[in-house]
Amino acid sequence: MSNATAFEQAQRDVKTLTRRPDNNDLLFLYAHFKQGSEGDVRGKRPGMLDMVGRAKYDAWAKLKGMDSEQAMQRYIDKVNALLATHK
């Protein structure tokens, strides 16, 4: 299975979790999904009152320069780990 196909499958699989992952796992998934699908972060950092948007932006910004294939693989690995513990 190609990395892109596995990435798409992981996106479907993550929706089947029966328990909500913790915030750190959710930020990891968000950042790696965005890096894998869109590349480096762009746009302005959200303001101080948008704490969730700011945390998501910062998590994604930390991955700046990471290859999209590597980001996809790390997303896939994290989803597989969560499937083992959150089903």
PDB file of N, CA and C in Angstrom:
ATOM      1  N   MET A   1       0.848  -1.172   0.000  1.00  0.00           N
ATOM      2  CA  MET A   1       0.000   0.000   0.000  1.00  0.00           C
ATOM      3  C   MET A   1       0.900   1.243   0.000  1.00  0.00           C
ATOM      4  N   SER A   2       0.586   2.175  -0.867  1.00  0.00           N
ATOM      5  CA  SER A   2       1.396   3.393  -0.941  1.00  0.00           C
ATOM      6  C   SER A   2       1.169   4.246   0.305  1.00  0.00           C
ATOM      7  N   ASN A   3       2.097   5.152   0.550  1.00  0.00           N
ATOM      8  CA  ASN A   3       1.992   6.032   1.711  1.00  0.00           C
ATOM      9  C   ASN A   3       0.737   6.905   1.618  1.00  0.00           C
ATOM     10  N   ALA A   4       0.430   7.392   0.429  1.00  0.00           N
ATOM     11  CA  ALA A   4      -0.752   8.246   0.253  1.00  0.00           C
ATOM     12  C   ALA A   4      -2.037   7.459   0.535  1.00  0.00           C
ATOM     13  N   THR A   5      -2.092   6.212   0.092  1.00  0.00           N
ATOM     14  CA  THR A   5      -3.263   5.368   0.335  1.00  0.00           C
ATOM     15  C   THR A   5      -3.395   5.054   1.822  1.00  0.00           C
ATOM     16  N   ALA A   6      -2.279   4.733   2.458  1.00  0.00           N
ATOM     17  CA  ALA A   6      -2.292   4.452   3.894  1.00  0.00           C
ATOM     18  C   ALA A   6      -2.681   5.699   4.690  1.00  0.00           C
ATOM     19  N   PHE A   7      -2.255   6.872   4.231  1.00  0.00           N
ATOM     20  CA  PHE A   7      -2.599   8.145   4.868  1.00  0.00           C
ATOM     21  C   PHE A   7      -4.111   8.372   4.796  1.00  0.00           C
ATOM     22  N   GLU A   8      -4.693   8.118   3.640  1.00  0.00           N
ATOM     23  CA  GLU A   8      -6.143   8.263   3.485  1.00  0.00           C
ATOM     24  C   GLU A   8      -6.891   7.262   4.363  1.00  0.00           C
ATOM     25  N   GLN A   9      -6.375   6.038   4.447  1.00  0.00           N
ATOM     26  CA  GLN A   9      -7.009   5.026   5.292  1.00  0.00           C
ATOM     27  C   GLN A   9      -6.918   5.422   6.761  1.00  0.00           C
ATOM     28  N   ALA A  10      -5.781   5.964   7.169  1.00  0.00           N
ATOM     29  CA  ALA A  10      -5.609   6.401   8.553  1.00  0.00           C
ATOM     30  C   ALA A  10      -6.595   7.520   8.891  1.00  0.00           C
ATOM     31  N   GLN A  11      -6.877   8.400   7.918  1.00  0.00           N
ATOM     32  CA  GLN A  11      -7.855   9.465   8.141  1.00  0.00           C
ATOM     33  C   GLN A  11      -9.245   8.875   8.403  1.00  0.00           C
ATOM     34  N   ARG A  12      -9.582   7.799   7.723  1.00  0.00           N
ATOM     35  CA  ARG A  12     -10.867   7.131   7.953  1.00  0.00           C
ATOM     36  C   ARG A  12     -10.841   6.382   9.292  1.00  0.00           C
ATOM     37  N   ASP A  13      -9.726   5.708   9.563  1.00  0.00           N
ATOM     38  CA  ASP A  13      -9.620   4.895  10.773  1.00  0.00           C
ATOM     39  C   ASP A  13      -9.690   5.732  12.047  1.00  0.00           C
ATOM     40  N   VAL A  14      -9.114   6.924  12.020  1.00  0.00           N
ATOM     41  CA  VAL A  14      -9.083   7.748  13.231  1.00  0.00           C
ATOM     42  C   VAL A  14     -10.502   8.129  13.668  1.00  0.00           C
ATOM     43  N   LYS A  15     -11.416   8.155  12.736  1.00  0.00           N
ATOM     44  CA  LYS A  15     -12.805   8.496  13.060  1.00  0.00           C
ATOM     45  C   LYS A  15     -13.537   7.352  13.752  1.00  0.00           C
ATOM     46  N   THR A  16     -12.924   6.167  13.798  1.00  0.00           N
ATOM     47  CA  THR A  16     -13.566   5.008  14.417  1.00  0.00           C
ATOM     48  C   THR A  16     -13.148   4.819  15.877  1.00  0.00           C
ATOM     49  N   LEU A  17     -12.299   5.688  16.390  1.00  0.00           N
ATOM     50  CA  LEU A  17     -11.866   5.562  17.784  1.00  0.00           C
ATOM     51  C   LEU A  17     -13.075   5.705  18.704  1.00  0.00           C
ATOM     52  N   THR A  18     -13.129   4.869  19.729  1.00  0.00           N
ATOM     53  CA  THR A  18     -14.256   4.930  20.659  1.00  0.00           C
ATOM     54  C   THR A  18     -13.966   5.827  21.854  1.00  0.00           C
ATOM     55  N   ARG A  19     -12.703   6.100  22.102  1.00  0.00           N
ATOM     56  CA  ARG A  19     -12.314   7.036  23.166  1.00  0.00           C
ATOM     57  C   ARG A  19     -11.595   8.211  22.536  1.00  0.00           C
ATOM     58  N   ARG A  20     -11.830   9.392  23.085  1.00  0.00           N
ATOM     59  CA  ARG A  20     -11.187  10.606  22.574  1.00  0.00           C
ATOM     60  C   ARG A  20      -9.721  10.634  23.003  1.00  0.00           C
ATOM     61  N   PRO A  21      -8.797  10.823  22.070  1.00  0.00           N
ATOM     62  CA  PRO A  21      -7.384  10.961  22.440  1.00  0.00           C
ATOM     63  C   PRO A  21      -7.173  12.228  23.269  1.00  0.00           C
ATOM     64  N   ASP A  22      -6.081  12.265  24.025  1.00  0.00           N
ATOM     65  CA  ASP A  22      -5.816  13.470  24.814  1.00  0.00           C
ATOM     66  C   ASP A  22      -5.395  14.618  23.891  1.00  0.00           C
ATOM     67  N   ASN A  23      -5.330  15.803  24.460  1.00  0.00           N
ATOM     68  CA  ASN A  23      -5.047  17.001  23.658  1.00  0.00           C
ATOM     69  C   ASN A  23      -3.704  16.937  22.942  1.00  0.00           C
ATOM     70  N   ASN A  24      -2.695  16.372  23.596  1.00  0.00           N
ATOM     71  CA  ASN A  24      -1.379  16.267  22.947  1.00  0.00           C
ATOM     72  C   ASN A  24      -1.443  15.370  21.711  1.00  0.00           C
ATOM     73  N   ASP A  25      -2.175  14.263  21.820  1.00  0.00           N
ATOM     74  CA  ASP A  25      -2.329  13.375  20.665  1.00  0.00           C
ATOM     75  C   ASP A  25      -3.118  14.068  19.553  1.00  0.00           C
ATOM     76  N   LEU A  26      -4.153  14.811  19.932  1.00  0.00           N
ATOM     77  CA  LEU A  26      -4.945  15.520  18.928  1.00  0.00           C
ATOM     78  C   LEU A  26      -4.115  16.572  18.203  1.00  0.00           C
ATOM     79  N   LEU A  27      -3.274  17.304  18.941  1.00  0.00           N
ATOM     80  CA  LEU A  27      -2.399  18.298  18.309  1.00  0.00           C
ATOM     81  C   LEU A  27      -1.390  17.621  17.394  1.00  0.00           C
ATOM     82  N   PHE A  28      -0.847  16.486  17.830  1.00  0.00           N
ATOM     83  CA  PHE A  28       0.093  15.722  17.006  1.00  0.00           C
ATOM     84  C   PHE A  28      -0.580  15.326  15.694  1.00  0.00           C
ATOM     85  N   LEU A  29      -1.786  14.771  15.802  1.00  0.00           N
ATOM     86  CA  LEU A  29      -2.507  14.347  14.603  1.00  0.00           C
ATOM     87  C   LEU A  29      -2.799  15.531  13.689  1.00  0.00           C
ATOM     88  N   TYR A  30      -3.271  16.620  14.257  1.00  0.00           N
ATOM     89  CA  TYR A  30      -3.596  17.805  13.464  1.00  0.00           C
ATOM     90  C   TYR A  30      -2.365  18.305  12.715  1.00  0.00           C
ATOM     91  N   ALA A  31      -1.275  18.492  13.452  1.00  0.00           N
ATOM     92  CA  ALA A  31      -0.065  19.061  12.858  1.00  0.00           C
ATOM     93  C   ALA A  31       0.492  18.162  11.753  1.00  0.00           C
ATOM     94  N   HIS A  32       0.533  16.878  12.003  1.00  0.00           N
ATOM     95  CA  HIS A  32       1.092  15.959  11.007  1.00  0.00           C
ATOM     96  C   HIS A  32       0.156  15.786   9.810  1.00  0.00           C
ATOM     97  N   PHE A  33      -1.146  15.859  10.055  1.00  0.00           N
ATOM     98  CA  PHE A  33      -2.084  15.822   8.936  1.00  0.00           C
ATOM     99  C   PHE A  33      -1.877  17.044   8.043  1.00  0.00           C
ATOM    100  N   LYS A  34      -1.813  18.220   8.655  1.00  0.00           N
ATOM    101  CA  LYS A  34      -1.652  19.448   7.880  1.00  0.00           C
ATOM    102  C   LYS A  34      -0.316  19.462   7.142  1.00  0.00           C
ATOM    103  N   GLN A  35       0.761  19.053   7.815  1.00  0.00           N
ATOM    104  CA  GLN A  35       2.076  19.035   7.186  1.00  0.00           C
ATOM    105  C   GLN A  35       2.098  18.033   6.034  1.00  0.00           C
ATOM    106  N   GLY A  36       1.467  16.882   6.233  1.00  0.00           N
ATOM    107  CA  GLY A  36       1.440  15.861   5.192  1.00  0.00           C
ATOM    108  C   GLY A  36       0.571  16.230   4.005  1.00  0.00           C
ATOM    109  N   SER A  37      -0.490  16.981   4.245  1.00  0.00           N
ATOM    110  CA  SER A  37      -1.411  17.292   3.159  1.00  0.00           C
ATOM    111  C   SER A  37      -1.199  18.670   2.541  1.00  0.00           C
ATOM    112  N   GLU A  38      -0.679  19.637   3.320  1.00  0.00           N
ATOM    113  CA  GLU A  38      -0.533  20.998   2.804  1.00  0.00           C
ATOM    114  C   GLU A  38       0.892  21.533   2.809  1.00  0.00           C
ATOM    115  N   GLY A  39       1.779  20.902   3.560  1.00  0.00           N
ATOM    116  CA  GLY A  39       3.152  21.403   3.656  1.00  0.00           C
ATOM    117  C   GLY A  39       3.299  22.376   4.811  1.00  0.00           C
ATOM    118  N   ASP A  40       4.291  23.241   4.716  1.00  0.00           N
ATOM    119  CA  ASP A  40       4.599  24.163   5.810  1.00  0.00           C
ATOM    120  C   ASP A  40       3.437  25.099   6.116  1.00  0.00           C
ATOM    121  N   VAL A  41       3.368  25.471   7.393  1.00  0.00           N
ATOM    122  CA  VAL A  41       2.328  26.376   7.872  1.00  0.00           C
ATOM    123  C   VAL A  41       2.420  27.715   7.141  1.00  0.00           C
ATOM    124  N   ARG A  42       1.275  28.300   6.907  1.00  0.00           N
ATOM    125  CA  ARG A  42       1.237  29.627   6.290  1.00  0.00           C
ATOM    126  C   ARG A  42       0.084  30.399   6.916  1.00  0.00           C
ATOM    127  N   GLY A  43       0.074  31.676   6.677  1.00  0.00           N
ATOM    128  CA  GLY A  43      -0.946  32.518   7.282  1.00  0.00           C
ATOM    129  C   GLY A  43      -0.458  33.100   8.598  1.00  0.00           C
ATOM    130  N   LYS A  44      -1.276  33.934   9.155  1.00  0.00           N
ATOM    131  CA  LYS A  44      -0.919  34.588  10.411  1.00  0.00           C
ATOM    132  C   LYS A  44      -1.266  33.703  11.598  1.00  0.00           C
ATOM    133  N   ARG A  45      -0.469  33.824  12.642  1.00  0.00           N
ATOM    134  CA  ARG A  45      -0.734  33.104  13.881  1.00  0.00           C
ATOM    135  C   ARG A  45      -1.977  33.722  14.531  1.00  0.00           C
ATOM    136  N   PRO A  46      -2.922  32.897  14.983  1.00  0.00           N
ATOM    137  CA  PRO A  46      -4.124  33.425  15.624  1.00  0.00           C
ATOM    138  C   PRO A  46      -3.789  34.268  16.852  1.00  0.00           C
ATOM    139  N   GLY A  47      -4.697  35.163  17.178  1.00  0.00           N
ATOM    140  CA  GLY A  47      -4.510  36.060  18.317  1.00  0.00           C
ATOM    141  C   GLY A  47      -4.557  35.338  19.656  1.00  0.00           C
ATOM    142  N   MET A  48      -4.208  36.069  20.705  1.00  0.00           N
ATOM    143  CA  MET A  48      -4.122  35.488  22.050  1.00  0.00           C
ATOM    144  C   MET A  48      -5.455  34.937  22.549  1.00  0.00           C
ATOM    145  N   LEU A  49      -6.558  35.465  22.108  1.00  0.00           N
ATOM    146  CA  LEU A  49      -7.850  35.002  22.596  1.00  0.00           C
ATOM    147  C   LEU A  49      -8.302  33.698  21.941  1.00  0.00           C
ATOM    148  N   ASP A  50      -7.700  33.338  20.840  1.00  0.00           N
ATOM    149  CA  ASP A  50      -8.007  32.077  20.162  1.00  0.00           C
ATOM    150  C   ASP A  50      -6.968  31.038  20.585  1.00  0.00           C
ATOM    151  N   MET A  51      -7.134  30.524  21.801  1.00  0.00           N
ATOM    152  CA  MET A  51      -6.125  29.619  22.362  1.00  0.00           C
ATOM    153  C   MET A  51      -6.033  28.296  21.603  1.00  0.00           C
ATOM    154  N   VAL A  52      -7.169  27.774  21.156  1.00  0.00           N
ATOM    155  CA  VAL A  52      -7.156  26.500  20.426  1.00  0.00           C
ATOM    156  C   VAL A  52      -6.490  26.692  19.063  1.00  0.00           C
ATOM    157  N   GLY A  53      -6.896  27.735  18.347  1.00  0.00           N
ATOM    158  CA  GLY A  53      -6.295  28.017  17.051  1.00  0.00           C
ATOM    159  C   GLY A  53      -4.804  28.270  17.155  1.00  0.00           C
ATOM    160  N   ARG A  54      -4.411  28.946  18.210  1.00  0.00           N
ATOM    161  CA  ARG A  54      -2.998  29.250  18.438  1.00  0.00           C
ATOM    162  C   ARG A  54      -2.196  27.971  18.705  1.00  0.00           C
ATOM    163  N   ALA A  55      -2.764  27.071  19.517  1.00  0.00           N
ATOM    164  CA  ALA A  55      -2.080  25.806  19.827  1.00  0.00           C
ATOM    165  C   ALA A  55      -1.935  24.961  18.561  1.00  0.00           C
ATOM    166  N   LYS A  56      -2.979  24.933  17.734  1.00  0.00           N
ATOM    167  CA  LYS A  56      -2.915  24.174  16.490  1.00  0.00           C
ATOM    168  C   LYS A  56      -1.879  24.771  15.540  1.00  0.00           C
ATOM    169  N   TYR A  57      -1.878  26.082  15.421  1.00  0.00           N
ATOM    170  CA  TYR A  57      -0.915  26.762  14.557  1.00  0.00           C
ATOM    171  C   TYR A  57       0.512  26.470  15.029  1.00  0.00           C
ATOM    172  N   ASP A  58       0.739  26.595  16.330  1.00  0.00           N
ATOM    173  CA  ASP A  58       2.085  26.367  16.884  1.00  0.00           C
ATOM    174  C   ASP A  58       2.550  24.935  16.680  1.00  0.00           C
ATOM    175  N   ALA A  59       1.636  23.970  16.868  1.00  0.00           N
ATOM    176  CA  ALA A  59       2.004  22.556  16.671  1.00  0.00           C
ATOM    177  C   ALA A  59       2.406  22.316  15.223  1.00  0.00           C
ATOM    178  N   TRP A  60       1.665  22.907  14.292  1.00  0.00           N
ATOM    179  CA  TRP A  60       1.974  22.748  12.870  1.00  0.00           C
ATOM    180  C   TRP A  60       3.268  23.468  12.520  1.00  0.00           C
ATOM    181  N   ALA A  61       3.473  24.664  13.076  1.00  0.00           N
ATOM    182  CA  ALA A  61       4.672  25.451  12.783  1.00  0.00           C
ATOM    183  C   ALA A  61       5.949  24.727  13.227  1.00  0.00           C
ATOM    184  N   LYS A  62       5.859  23.912  14.280  1.00  0.00           N
ATOM    185  CA  LYS A  62       7.033  23.170  14.758  1.00  0.00           C
ATOM    186  C   LYS A  62       7.528  22.158  13.732  1.00  0.00           C
ATOM    187  N   LEU A  63       6.672  21.797  12.794  1.00  0.00           N
ATOM    188  CA  LEU A  63       7.041  20.802  11.782  1.00  0.00           C
ATOM    189  C   LEU A  63       7.574  21.438  10.503  1.00  0.00           C
ATOM    190  N   LYS A  64       7.772  22.736  10.515  1.00  0.00           N
ATOM    191  CA  LYS A  64       8.232  23.440   9.315  1.00  0.00           C
ATOM    192  C   LYS A  64       9.484  22.768   8.751  1.00  0.00           C
ATOM    193  N   GLY A  65       9.452  22.502   7.461  1.00  0.00           N
ATOM    194  CA  GLY A  65      10.586  21.875   6.795  1.00  0.00           C
ATOM    195  C   GLY A  65      10.519  20.359   6.743  1.00  0.00           C
ATOM    196  N   MET A  66       9.589  19.758   7.495  1.00  0.00           N
ATOM    197  CA  MET A  66       9.461  18.296   7.473  1.00  0.00           C
ATOM    198  C   MET A  66       8.875  17.868   6.122  1.00  0.00           C
ATOM    199  N   ASP A  67       9.452  16.847   5.551  1.00  0.00           N
ATOM    200  CA  ASP A  67       8.979  16.273   4.292  1.00  0.00           C
ATOM    201  C   ASP A  67       7.557  15.750   4.485  1.00  0.00           C
ATOM    202  N   SER A  68       6.701  15.940   3.477  1.00  0.00           N
ATOM    203  CA  SER A  68       5.309  15.508   3.594  1.00  0.00           C
ATOM    204  C   SER A  68       5.191  13.992   3.751  1.00  0.00           C
ATOM    205  N   GLU A  69       6.077  13.242   3.121  1.00  0.00           N
ATOM    206  CA  GLU A  69       6.049  11.775   3.262  1.00  0.00           C
ATOM    207  C   GLU A  69       6.328  11.360   4.701  1.00  0.00           C
ATOM    208  N   GLN A  70       7.279  12.033   5.329  1.00  0.00           N
ATOM    209  CA  GLN A  70       7.607  11.727   6.723  1.00  0.00           C
ATOM    210  C   GLN A  70       6.440  12.098   7.633  1.00  0.00           C
ATOM    211  N   ALA A  71       5.813  13.238   7.385  1.00  0.00           N
ATOM    212  CA  ALA A  71       4.668  13.663   8.183  1.00  0.00           C
ATOM    213  C   ALA A  71       3.511  12.667   8.029  1.00  0.00           C
ATOM    214  N   MET A  72       3.278  12.212   6.797  1.00  0.00           N
ATOM    215  CA  MET A  72       2.221  11.224   6.566  1.00  0.00           C
ATOM    216  C   MET A  72       2.503   9.944   7.338  1.00  0.00           C
ATOM    217  N   GLN A  73       3.753   9.485   7.289  1.00  0.00           N
ATOM    218  CA  GLN A  73       4.107   8.242   7.962  1.00  0.00           C
ATOM    219  C   GLN A  73       3.949   8.367   9.470  1.00  0.00           C
ATOM    220  N   ARG A  74       4.342   9.493  10.027  1.00  0.00           N
ATOM    221  CA  ARG A  74       4.197   9.697  11.472  1.00  0.00           C
ATOM    222  C   ARG A  74       2.713   9.763  11.857  1.00  0.00           C
ATOM    223  N   TYR A  75       1.883  10.359  11.005  1.00  0.00           N
ATOM    224  CA  TYR A  75       0.430  10.394  11.237  1.00  0.00           C
ATOM    225  C   TYR A  75      -0.131   8.973  11.229  1.00  0.00           C
ATOM    226  N   ILE A  76       0.255   8.186  10.230  1.00  0.00           N
ATOM    227  CA  ILE A  76      -0.210   6.802  10.108  1.00  0.00           C
ATOM    228  C   ILE A  76       0.199   6.000  11.346  1.00  0.00           C
ATOM    229  N   ASP A  77       1.446   6.144  11.763  1.00  0.00           N
ATOM    230  CA  ASP A  77       1.943   5.416  12.935  1.00  0.00           C
ATOM    231  C   ASP A  77       1.170   5.795  14.193  1.00  0.00           C
ATOM    232  N   LYS A  78       0.873   7.087  14.354  1.00  0.00           N
ATOM    233  CA  LYS A  78       0.140   7.551  15.536  1.00  0.00           C
ATOM    234  C   LYS A  78      -1.286   7.013  15.521  1.00  0.00           C
ATOM    235  N   VAL A  79      -1.938   7.039  14.371  1.00  0.00           N
ATOM    236  CA  VAL A  79      -3.303   6.502  14.275  1.00  0.00           C
ATOM    237  C   VAL A  79      -3.302   5.016  14.622  1.00  0.00           C
ATOM    238  N   ASN A  80      -2.339   4.278  14.100  1.00  0.00           N
ATOM    239  CA  ASN A  80      -2.267   2.842  14.404  1.00  0.00           C
ATOM    240  C   ASN A  80      -2.061   2.602  15.896  1.00  0.00           C
ATOM    241  N   ALA A  81      -1.232   3.417  16.536  1.00  0.00           N
ATOM    242  CA  ALA A  81      -1.015   3.286  17.989  1.00  0.00           C
ATOM    243  C   ALA A  81      -2.303   3.604  18.752  1.00  0.00           C
ATOM    244  N   LEU A  82      -3.011   4.639  18.306  1.00  0.00           N
ATOM    245  CA  LEU A  82      -4.271   4.997  18.979  1.00  0.00           C
ATOM    246  C   LEU A  82      -5.338   3.925  18.767  1.00  0.00           C
ATOM    247  N   LEU A  83      -5.356   3.317  17.603  1.00  0.00           N
ATOM    248  CA  LEU A  83      -6.327   2.245  17.352  1.00  0.00           C
ATOM    249  C   LEU A  83      -6.107   1.081  18.318  1.00  0.00           C
ATOM    250  N   ALA A  84      -4.866   0.842  18.679  1.00  0.00           N
ATOM    251  CA  ALA A  84      -4.548  -0.249  19.595  1.00  0.00           C
ATOM    252  C   ALA A  84      -4.977   0.061  21.035  1.00  0.00           C
ATOM    253  N   THR A  85      -5.018   1.342  21.386  1.00  0.00           N
ATOM    254  CA  THR A  85      -5.309   1.690  22.790  1.00  0.00           C
ATOM    255  C   THR A  85      -6.666   2.373  22.999  1.00  0.00           C
ATOM    256  N   HIS A  86      -7.293   2.846  21.942  1.00  0.00           N
ATOM    257  CA  HIS A  86      -8.525   3.631  22.099  1.00  0.00           C
ATOM    258  C   HIS A  86      -9.743   3.001  21.428  1.00  0.00           C
ATOM    259  N   LYS A  87      -9.734   1.715  21.253  1.00  0.00           N
ATOM    260  CA  LYS A  87     -10.905   1.037  20.675  1.00  0.00           C
ATOM    261  C   LYS A  87     -11.595   0.218  21.713  1.00  0.00           C
TER     262      LYS A  87
END
